Amino acid sequence: MPESAKDAEDKRKDIAVEIKEAKLTQDYVGKALAELPGVRPLTQTTISNLENLELSHKNVIKLRPILLTWLEMEEARANAAQEDPDAPSVLPAGARRR
């Protein structure tokens, strides 16, 4: 069953909000996504367009599973860092928060 335009817009907003709340640079997000198997690096422009809800529905559908996988991995790393203060940082060396 095809999803409605409202459902697609809600999903787009949810992903954009999660990325913004993570407060990571667009460059970091693009490079981190490229570390996932089979994923090419995303440009800062693509991440910016996602955050500003300017990506097409087709692109959002294509990127959604990748972004959700990456967000789950980042949350797991952040949780591990909270439980073990000596664990490596969520941010790789040289990465900056906004």
C-alpha atoms as a PDB file:
ATOM      1  CA  MET A   1       0.000   0.000   0.000  1.00  0.00           C
ATOM      2  CA  PRO A   2       1.574   3.337  -1.019  1.00  0.00           C
ATOM      3  CA  GLU A   3       2.182   5.787   1.764  1.00  0.00           C
ATOM      4  CA  SER A   4       0.299   9.050   1.754  1.00  0.00           C
ATOM      5  CA  ALA A   5       2.004  12.365   1.110  1.00  0.00           C
ATOM      6  CA  LYS A   6       1.335  13.348   4.739  1.00  0.00           C
ATOM      7  CA  ASP A   7       3.055  10.190   6.035  1.00  0.00           C
ATOM      8  CA  ALA A   8       6.042  10.819   3.772  1.00  0.00           C
ATOM      9  CA  GLU A   9       6.288  14.442   4.937  1.00  0.00           C
ATOM     10  CA  ASP A  10       6.104  13.341   8.592  1.00  0.00           C
ATOM     11  CA  LYS A  11       8.926  10.824   8.052  1.00  0.00           C
ATOM     12  CA  ARG A  12      11.012  13.465   6.293  1.00  0.00           C
ATOM     13  CA  LYS A  13      10.541  15.864   9.214  1.00  0.00           C
ATOM     14  CA  ASP A  14      11.357  13.164  11.789  1.00  0.00           C
ATOM     15  CA  ILE A  15      14.676  12.315  10.133  1.00  0.00           C
ATOM     16  CA  ALA A  16      15.605  15.988   9.728  1.00  0.00           C
ATOM     17  CA  VAL A  17      14.831  16.691  13.390  1.00  0.00           C
ATOM     18  CA  GLU A  18      16.929  13.749  14.579  1.00  0.00           C
ATOM     19  CA  ILE A  19      19.937  14.902  12.573  1.00  0.00           C
ATOM     20  CA  LYS A  20      19.563  18.474  13.826  1.00  0.00           C
ATOM     21  CA  GLU A  21      19.206  17.288  17.432  1.00  0.00           C
ATOM     22  CA  ALA A  22      22.416  15.281  17.138  1.00  0.00           C
ATOM     23  CA  LYS A  23      24.186  18.650  16.579  1.00  0.00           C
ATOM     24  CA  LEU A  24      26.797  17.162  14.306  1.00  0.00           C
ATOM     25  CA  THR A  25      28.268  19.012  11.360  1.00  0.00           C
ATOM     26  CA  GLN A  26      26.863  18.269   7.932  1.00  0.00           C
ATOM     27  CA  ASP A  27      30.332  17.210   6.835  1.00  0.00           C
ATOM     28  CA  TYR A  28      30.542  14.693   9.695  1.00  0.00           C
ATOM     29  CA  VAL A  29      27.119  13.255   8.869  1.00  0.00           C
ATOM     30  CA  GLY A  30      28.038  12.803   5.203  1.00  0.00           C
ATOM     31  CA  LYS A  31      31.360  11.144   5.988  1.00  0.00           C
ATOM     32  CA  ALA A  32      29.893   8.962   8.736  1.00  0.00           C
ATOM     33  CA  LEU A  33      27.208   7.700   6.373  1.00  0.00           C
ATOM     34  CA  ALA A  34      29.913   6.827   3.847  1.00  0.00           C
ATOM     35  CA  GLU A  35      31.366   4.415   6.409  1.00  0.00           C
ATOM     36  CA  LEU A  36      28.267   2.243   6.087  1.00  0.00           C
ATOM     37  CA  PRO A  37      28.685  -0.625   3.608  1.00  0.00           C
ATOM     38  CA  GLY A  38      27.596   0.277   0.085  1.00  0.00           C
ATOM     39  CA  VAL A  39      26.928   3.951   0.818  1.00  0.00           C
ATOM     40  CA  ARG A  40      28.656   6.774  -1.035  1.00  0.00           C
ATOM     41  CA  PRO A  41      29.514   9.966   0.853  1.00  0.00           C
ATOM     42  CA  LEU A  42      26.682  12.479   0.958  1.00  0.00           C
ATOM     43  CA  THR A  43      27.506  16.103   0.280  1.00  0.00           C
ATOM     44  CA  GLN A  44      26.927  18.877   2.777  1.00  0.00           C
ATOM     45  CA  THR A  45      24.341  20.226   0.353  1.00  0.00           C
ATOM     46  CA  THR A  46      22.360  16.983   0.481  1.00  0.00           C
ATOM     47  CA  ILE A  47      22.417  16.954   4.294  1.00  0.00           C
ATOM     48  CA  SER A  48      21.455  20.639   4.363  1.00  0.00           C
ATOM     49  CA  ASN A  49      18.571  20.025   1.976  1.00  0.00           C
ATOM     50  CA  LEU A  50      17.402  17.149   4.160  1.00  0.00           C
ATOM     51  CA  GLU A  51      17.527  19.310   7.300  1.00  0.00           C
ATOM     52  CA  ASN A  52      15.596  22.058   5.521  1.00  0.00           C
ATOM     53  CA  LEU A  53      13.046  19.594   4.132  1.00  0.00           C
ATOM     54  CA  GLU A  54      14.056  20.427   0.563  1.00  0.00           C
ATOM     55  CA  LEU A  55      14.839  16.902  -0.651  1.00  0.00           C
ATOM     56  CA  SER A  56      12.428  15.260  -3.018  1.00  0.00           C
ATOM     57  CA  HIS A  57      10.179  12.488  -1.786  1.00  0.00           C
ATOM     58  CA  LYS A  58      12.107  10.046  -3.993  1.00  0.00           C
ATOM     59  CA  ASN A  59      15.439  10.972  -2.394  1.00  0.00           C
ATOM     60  CA  VAL A  60      14.015  10.771   1.113  1.00  0.00           C
ATOM     61  CA  ILE A  61      12.637   7.286   0.455  1.00  0.00           C
ATOM     62  CA  LYS A  62      16.042   6.229  -0.896  1.00  0.00           C
ATOM     63  CA  LEU A  63      18.014   7.709   2.019  1.00  0.00           C
ATOM     64  CA  ARG A  64      15.628   6.874   4.860  1.00  0.00           C
ATOM     65  CA  PRO A  65      16.843   3.301   5.602  1.00  0.00           C
ATOM     66  CA  ILE A  66      20.465   4.449   5.459  1.00  0.00           C
ATOM     67  CA  LEU A  67      19.818   7.385   7.777  1.00  0.00           C
ATOM     68  CA  LEU A  68      17.837   5.304  10.261  1.00  0.00           C
ATOM     69  CA  THR A  69      20.598   2.682  10.416  1.00  0.00           C
ATOM     70  CA  TRP A  70      23.211   5.382  10.970  1.00  0.00           C
ATOM     71  CA  LEU A  71      21.132   7.154  13.651  1.00  0.00           C
ATOM     72  CA  GLU A  72      20.713   3.864  15.537  1.00  0.00           C
ATOM     73  CA  MET A  73      24.484   3.309  15.406  1.00  0.00           C
ATOM     74  CA  GLU A  74      25.180   6.837  16.677  1.00  0.00           C
ATOM     75  CA  GLU A  75      22.689   6.403  19.534  1.00  0.00           C
ATOM     76  CA  ALA A  76      24.308   3.102  20.506  1.00  0.00           C
ATOM     77  CA  ARG A  77      27.750   4.750  20.527  1.00  0.00           C
ATOM     78  CA  ALA A  78      26.463   7.648  22.606  1.00  0.00           C
ATOM     79  CA  ASN A  79      24.844   5.269  25.098  1.00  0.00           C
ATOM     80  CA  ALA A  80      28.041   3.231  25.345  1.00  0.00           C
ATOM     81  CA  ALA A  81      30.022   6.417  25.979  1.00  0.00           C
ATOM     82  CA  GLN A  82      27.659   7.390  28.804  1.00  0.00           C
ATOM     83  CA  GLU A  83      27.983   3.980  30.426  1.00  0.00           C
ATOM     84  CA  ASP A  84      31.759   3.869  30.070  1.00  0.00           C
ATOM     85  CA  PRO A  85      33.410   7.294  30.370  1.00  0.00           C
ATOM     86  CA  ASP A  86      36.703   5.846  29.103  1.00  0.00           C
ATOM     87  CA  ALA A  87      35.069   4.707  25.836  1.00  0.00           C
ATOM     88  CA  PRO A  88      36.099   6.509  22.651  1.00  0.00           C
ATOM     89  CA  SER A  89      34.168   9.645  21.765  1.00  0.00           C
ATOM     90  CA  VAL A  90      31.182   9.478  19.430  1.00  0.00           C
ATOM     91  CA  LEU A  91      32.928  12.065  17.292  1.00  0.00           C
ATOM     92  CA  PRO A  92      35.986  10.940  15.372  1.00  0.00           C
ATOM     93  CA  ALA A  93      39.213  12.873  15.795  1.00  0.00           C
ATOM     94  CA  GLY A  94      38.949  16.280  14.194  1.00  0.00           C
ATOM     95  CA  ALA A  95      35.142  16.291  13.965  1.00  0.00           C
ATOM     96  CA  ARG A  96      33.347  19.329  15.307  1.00  0.00           C
ATOM     97  CA  ARG A  97      29.922  19.926  16.692  1.00  0.00           C
ATOM     98  CA  ARG A  98      27.970  22.840  15.278  1.00  0.00           C
END
